C-alpha atoms as a PDB file:
ATOM      1  CA  MET A   1       3.046 -15.026 -13.537  1.00  0.00           C
ATOM      2  CA  THR A   2       3.671 -15.459 -10.130  1.00  0.00           C
ATOM      3  CA  ASP A   3       3.845 -13.166  -7.228  1.00  0.00           C
ATOM      4  CA  GLN A   4       6.224 -13.530  -4.491  1.00  0.00           C
ATOM      5  CA  VAL A   5       5.976 -12.039  -1.184  1.00  0.00           C
ATOM      6  CA  ASN A   6       9.562 -10.339   0.000  1.00  0.00           C
ATOM      7  CA  ASN A   7      10.359 -11.133   3.507  1.00  0.00           C
ATOM      8  CA  ALA A   8      14.369 -10.383   2.582  1.00  0.00           C
ATOM      9  CA  LEU A   9      15.016  -6.748   4.033  1.00  0.00           C
ATOM     10  CA  PRO A  10      13.028  -3.888   2.925  1.00  0.00           C
ATOM     11  CA  ASP A  11      14.460  -2.573  -0.486  1.00  0.00           C
ATOM     12  CA  PRO A  12      15.002   1.456  -0.231  1.00  0.00           C
ATOM     13  CA  THR A  13      11.336   2.256  -2.471  1.00  0.00           C
ATOM     14  CA  GLN A  14       9.399   0.333   0.409  1.00  0.00           C
ATOM     15  CA  THR A  15      11.028   2.204   3.367  1.00  0.00           C
ATOM     16  CA  LEU A  16      10.508   5.305   1.618  1.00  0.00           C
ATOM     17  CA  ILE A  17       6.709   4.616   1.339  1.00  0.00           C
ATOM     18  CA  ARG A  18       6.549   3.401   4.601  1.00  0.00           C
ATOM     19  CA  GLU A  19       8.476   6.424   6.409  1.00  0.00           C
ATOM     20  CA  ILE A  20       6.041   8.711   4.201  1.00  0.00           C
ATOM     21  CA  ALA A  21       2.806   6.779   5.729  1.00  0.00           C
ATOM     22  CA  ARG A  22       4.238   7.101   8.965  1.00  0.00           C
ATOM     23  CA  ALA A  23       3.749  10.520   9.108  1.00  0.00           C
ATOM     24  CA  LEU A  24       0.809  11.127   7.423  1.00  0.00           C
ATOM     25  CA  VAL A  25      -1.137   8.561  10.626  1.00  0.00           C
ATOM     26  CA  ASP A  26      -2.154   9.053  13.932  1.00  0.00           C
ATOM     27  CA  ASP A  27      -1.216   5.066  14.450  1.00  0.00           C
ATOM     28  CA  PRO A  28       2.664   4.461  13.226  1.00  0.00           C
ATOM     29  CA  ASP A  29       2.972   1.690  14.490  1.00  0.00           C
ATOM     30  CA  ALA A  30       0.312  -0.283  12.234  1.00  0.00           C
ATOM     31  CA  VAL A  31       1.946   1.236   9.198  1.00  0.00           C
ATOM     32  CA  GLU A  32       3.134  -2.049   6.755  1.00  0.00           C
ATOM     33  CA  VAL A  33       4.676  -2.646   3.444  1.00  0.00           C
ATOM     34  CA  GLN A  34       4.343  -5.758   2.124  1.00  0.00           C
ATOM     35  CA  ALA A  35       6.274  -6.110  -1.132  1.00  0.00           C
ATOM     36  CA  LEU A  36       4.849  -8.482  -4.220  1.00  0.00           C
ATOM     37  CA  VAL A  37       7.508  -8.872  -6.457  1.00  0.00           C
ATOM     38  CA  ARG A  38       6.430  -9.871 -10.269  1.00  0.00           C
ATOM     39  CA  ASP A  39       8.381 -10.828 -13.026  1.00  0.00           C
ATOM     40  CA  GLU A  40       9.133  -6.928 -13.775  1.00  0.00           C
ATOM     41  CA  SER A  41       7.046  -4.691 -11.239  1.00  0.00           C
ATOM     42  CA  THR A  42       6.795  -4.612  -7.646  1.00  0.00           C
ATOM     43  CA  VAL A  43       3.356  -3.835  -5.646  1.00  0.00           C
ATOM     44  CA  LEU A  44       3.901  -2.262  -2.834  1.00  0.00           C
ATOM     45  CA  ARG A  45       0.927  -3.023  -0.392  1.00  0.00           C
ATOM     46  CA  LEU A  46       0.146  -0.410   2.267  1.00  0.00           C
ATOM     47  CA  HIS A  47      -1.567  -1.282   5.357  1.00  0.00           C
ATOM     48  CA  VAL A  48      -2.804   1.198   8.257  1.00  0.00           C
ATOM     49  CA  SER A  49      -5.267   0.858  10.496  1.00  0.00           C
ATOM     50  CA  ASP A  50      -8.700   1.729  10.091  1.00  0.00           C
ATOM     51  CA  ALA A  51      -8.910   4.976  11.785  1.00  0.00           C
ATOM     52  CA  ASP A  52      -6.244   6.582   9.588  1.00  0.00           C
ATOM     53  CA  ILE A  53      -6.985   5.170   6.041  1.00  0.00           C
ATOM     54  CA  GLY A  54      -8.611   8.743   5.099  1.00  0.00           C
ATOM     55  CA  LYS A  55      -5.222  10.283   5.798  1.00  0.00           C
ATOM     56  CA  VAL A  56      -3.462   7.947   3.531  1.00  0.00           C
ATOM     57  CA  ILE A  57      -5.864   8.073   1.100  1.00  0.00           C
ATOM     58  CA  GLY A  58      -6.541  12.462   1.675  1.00  0.00           C
ATOM     59  CA  LYS A  59      -9.666  14.983   0.358  1.00  0.00           C
ATOM     60  CA  GLN A  60     -10.345  13.940  -3.626  1.00  0.00           C
ATOM     61  CA  GLY A  61      -7.442  10.662  -3.043  1.00  0.00           C
ATOM     62  CA  ARG A  62      -4.751  13.938  -3.403  1.00  0.00           C
ATOM     63  CA  THR A  63      -2.593  12.154  -0.770  1.00  0.00           C
ATOM     64  CA  ALA A  64      -2.838   8.471  -2.179  1.00  0.00           C
ATOM     65  CA  HIS A  65      -2.173  10.417  -6.256  1.00  0.00           C
ATOM     66  CA  SER A  66       0.489  11.880  -4.290  1.00  0.00           C
ATOM     67  CA  LEU A  67       2.636   8.767  -3.194  1.00  0.00           C
ATOM     68  CA  ARG A  68       1.811   7.343  -6.541  1.00  0.00           C
ATOM     69  CA  THR A  69       3.123  10.021  -8.201  1.00  0.00           C
ATOM     70  CA  ILE A  70       6.662   9.548  -6.150  1.00  0.00           C
ATOM     71  CA  LEU A  71       6.704   5.873  -6.738  1.00  0.00           C
ATOM     72  CA  SER A  72       6.301   6.812 -10.891  1.00  0.00           C
ATOM     73  CA  ALA A  73       9.488   9.287 -10.201  1.00  0.00           C
ATOM     74  CA  VAL A  74      11.355   5.980  -8.606  1.00  0.00           C
ATOM     75  CA  SER A  75      10.044   3.224 -11.548  1.00  0.00           C
ATOM     76  CA  MET A  76      11.518   5.877 -13.942  1.00  0.00           C
ATOM     77  CA  LYS A  77      14.985   5.439 -11.842  1.00  0.00           C
ATOM     78  CA  TYR A  78      15.480   2.010 -11.344  1.00  0.00           C
ATOM     79  CA  HIS A  79      13.951   0.696 -14.465  1.00  0.00           C
ATOM     80  CA  HIS A  80      11.791  -1.044 -12.451  1.00  0.00           C
ATOM     81  CA  ARG A  81       7.426  -0.889 -11.646  1.00  0.00           C
ATOM     82  CA  TYR A  82       6.279  -0.047  -8.788  1.00  0.00           C
ATOM     83  CA  THR A  83       2.927   0.371  -8.128  1.00  0.00           C
ATOM     84  CA  LEU A  84       0.265   1.583  -4.597  1.00  0.00           C
ATOM     85  CA  ASP A  85      -2.095  -0.071  -3.197  1.00  0.00           C
ATOM     86  CA  ILE A  86      -3.504   1.002   0.100  1.00  0.00           C
ATOM     87  CA  VAL A  87      -5.051  -2.193   1.882  1.00  0.00           C
ATOM     88  CA  GLU A  88      -7.483  -1.342   4.202  1.00  0.00           C
ATOM     89  CA  SER A  89      -7.090  -3.694   7.336  1.00  0.00           C
ATOM     90  CA  GLY A  90     -10.075  -5.512   9.292  1.00  0.00           C
ATOM     91  CA  GLU A  91     -12.930  -7.868   7.780  1.00  0.00           C
ATOM     92  CA  PRO A  92     -14.209  -7.565   5.033  1.00  0.00           C
ATOM     93  CA  PRO A  93     -17.709  -6.168   4.855  1.00  0.00           C
ATOM     94  CA  ALA A  94     -20.422  -8.726   5.642  1.00  0.00           C
ATOM     95  CA  ARG A  95     -23.061 -10.072   2.838  1.00  0.00           C
ATOM     96  CA  PRO A  96     -26.491  -9.773   2.992  1.00  0.00           C
ATOM     97  CA  SER A  97     -27.685 -13.712   3.873  1.00  0.00           C
ATOM     98  CA  LEU A  98     -29.640 -15.268   1.197  1.00  0.00           C
ATOM     99  CA  PRO A  99     -33.033 -16.444   2.960  1.00  0.00           C
ATOM    100  CA  GLN A 100     -33.287 -19.861   2.783  1.00  0.00           C
ATOM    101  CA  GLU A 101     -35.975 -22.123   1.526  1.00  0.00           C
END
């Protein structure tokens, strides 16, 4: 299975998720949606600023669940599976250093 990043014009689903996310956040210019096209599915990776990650996820994940429900409906229409990954931008969490001997 190979992943290919879609650098061509965004498909309507990618644009839909980007515009919904831009309406939810305080920093709409930081919203970016990257499409990873696989054999029979597409993974949409949603990047927002660190301050806005909670707005996209929502209380108890309700907003994220709603975005995924919309993608489920789109998947049925286009007969192509879409999934959503919400990606925190920034550095990965630091690992504690091990004591050296």
